[in-house]
Amino acid sequence: MPINVDRMRKDKEEAQQGGPGYAWPVGDTNTYLLPPPEDYEVPYTEYAIHRVGPSGQTVLCFNPKKNKILTNPKFLEFAKERGIKIPKVCEPCAQMDSEDLWNKNRDEAIRKSAKMRGVFLIIPWTKRASSKEDWSEISPKRVYPFFAPKDQWDEILDWFMEMYDKELKKDVTDFDQARLFRLNRVGTGQATRYSAGGDTSTIQKPLVLSKDVRAIVMKALADPENCYERLVAYHVLVSPEEVAALMQGVATDKVANDGGGDAGGDDAVKVCLGNPELFNPNDPECSKTCRLFQECKAAVEAAGKGGGKTTKAPEPEPEPEQPPLKLEDLPLTGTVCSLCMQLQRSLPDGTTVCAGEHVGAPAFVPKAPPSQSPASAPAAPSQAASGNSRKLDELLRQRGQKAKT
């Protein structure tokens, strides 16, 4: 029997279509894999999907023997939160059994059978369009979900275990010894292909994550919206009724949003995790392709934010630094220090100072000739009257600080 090359090509396309939830650019992307939260043993959660309907849209497999997440209490709670009841029968699996596909058409059975995936949390780090170009930093650093198809999931796990340091018990997610994985994307839309492996530069010289990135990671791990089970429940799970409609070829706008639900490919999906802080009603990626659009809109309206990215209130500008006090800039008081016979000047706090460095000293009003007032009388020359001594400058600086406070 001749090999069906067209079937092989179609199977390969369906296995790789729109796996990532992050819209990866064409070329190479070095990526940091987040460690698991404290109550998890591994940095991912696995789940099983089917491709149904003419366009091969993603739906969750409802067979608990093939899909362990269906017995996960956290996932079931999120499904209940969305008002979706998990059925006792998985229709795509039941259809395969009723048609006896495994015996009649094994190729078709393999194509329609449940496929495993894993959801990770990642920070895209650097990117380049081709190996001939230099790496460019991806900024700002932000956490995204990665809905990895089976092939890339296996490649990442192999790389993870290969890089594990048994002696130090450190892995690729370690803040002081981080290593990045590299995802390569070729093509766009339905022709997109992905492959994953390790980043050679960080294999040779591991990264030490900055305080800012560590804070981003810890905040993301503590955010309940980044819970692995919630990501699957909100971005992959669709109701049994919608699954049945898709199997019958009926179009529905509530398809899985793990990057593989739209025929337009994962470029058409904007991942914001249903976060009202990122909701923008004028963004076509929000309004036209995201099935969480109405939920985001309702949350935004309930919060009275009116849509669009929220902005923090501007911080008050710091007060300009006051220049240091100088003796010659202080106003004359018209009195003379009785200790050194130098003219006195007024400090900001109301006390007096003279060139002789006497603060608040007894004073008297000198007798001046008719043509010269006491306020304008020149100070008698003396060694202490220079006004430039270090001791006097320090005295004025201290007095100025006290007056400022």
Foldseek 3Di string as FASTA:
>chain_A
DDDDVVLVVVLQLLLFFFQWLDPDDAFKWWKFFFAAFPVDDGQKAKFKWFQAFPLGFTAGFLACVRGVLNVPPVLCVLLVVVVADRDPHGVLVVVCVVVVCVVVPVSVCVSGDIFMWIKGKMWTAWGDNYPVDDIDGDPDTAIDITTGRPQQVVQVVVQFVVLQDPVVRDTQNDQQQHWIKMKHWDDFQSPIDIHIHTDVVSSVPPDRHDPVVVVNSVVLNPDPLNPNSNCCSQAHHDHPVVVVCRNVNHDDLDGGSNQRRDSRGSVLADDPSLDLLAFACPDCSLPPRDPSNVVSVVVCVVVVPNGDHDDDDDDDDDDDDDDFDAPVPFAWPQKAAPVPRFTWGAALVGWIAGLQGDINHDIDHDDDPPVDGSRRDHTDDDPSHPRPDPVNSVVRRVSNVVSVD
